[in-house]
Amino acid sequence: MSPDTYVPAAQPYVRPRPKPGSYDPAHTTAGGLHGELARLEAQAALSFDEELDALRSLGVLRPDARVLVELGAGSGAVTQRLRAAYPGLRVEAVDHDPALAAHIPRDAKTAVTISDATRVPLPDRSADAVLLRYVLQHVPDPAPVLAEALRLLRPGGRIAVTEVDAGCWGMADPIYPELAYLHAALGEAQRRAGGDRDIGRRLTRMLRAAGFADVAMRPFAATTDRHPVEAFAAHLGPQRLEPLVASGVLTLRDVALAADRWNRFRADPDAWVMLLGFTAAGTAPDPSRDPSENTVNTLPDIPPTKGPDAP
């Protein structure tokens, strides 16, 4: 080889980025990113207490837990509530979207990392718990995300995956059957973008397939017995349908129909609704132990502190 021959410098290996999935915060609801920030806050305000009860009953926040990694932390609506409930817990908030993550409140116990959930720049076995909340329904292939969560967990650490299932979303009274095609269109649009709104029914099997032990599931519910009807606007109102008009999936008439029925519902003094969610949890096994010994008993959780969001 001639000394003048050009040899390109070796380039570092970069893992191909996975498909982005079905979640685009700027086009999820009416109002763009600003509207999505408001929706995420309303969603957390509505169901966090019920979700926290599920996490506690599943032993995710154990007495010795000191570090929780929240994959898909978004705007930090849940991050700040976790920190208020458990001041001694360090939260590593991870999200791939800088525009959302910019709104996560920082403090001495909250670190923010911009990263894809399949390649988080944190050490192996550095977390006592991992939380994925409404993330996997948007991911074309959840397996690499769960594998990354397993890598991050210390042996005996717990993962919690909170999701929905369109086939068991809840109940409402009164109901409007004429809106069924609109909800079907929303689910189909998410499916075409790589998402899966029926993922709740598969969570426990996915965790077992990923190598987690001691897998269990708990449902939780938010109802108008505890919350005002207006608190459900982010879920039942027409705002989530408006972006489907721009994409040509729905028409303005469709959205007007949804708005009319929502206005009827919230004007009804006897209106009632229950929204269901599902949290599945599993334990990172200890590779040095016999597999039959990897079942971990659910221990009492860290006693929560009444924060500004506590009832």
Foldseek 3Di string as FASTA:
>chain_A
DDPPDDDDDDDDDDDDDAQPFQDDCQQQFPPGVVVSVVLVLLVCLQCVVQVVVFCQVLQQFAPPFAEEEEEQCFQQSVVVVVCQFPVRHAYEYEEQDPVRPVNRDDDPRYHYDRDHLLDGPDQFQQGLEYEYEAPQQGHLDCLSNLLSRLRNHHFFHKYKYKAAAPVPFWDKPPDDVVLVVLVVLLQVSSVVRRGHNHCQVCVQVSNVVSPFAQKDKDKTKGKCVVPQLVSCCSPQALGSRVSVCVVVSDHPVSSVVSNVVSVVQNVDPPIMIMGMMMMMMGGNHDVVDDPVPSHDDRDRHDRTDDGPSHD
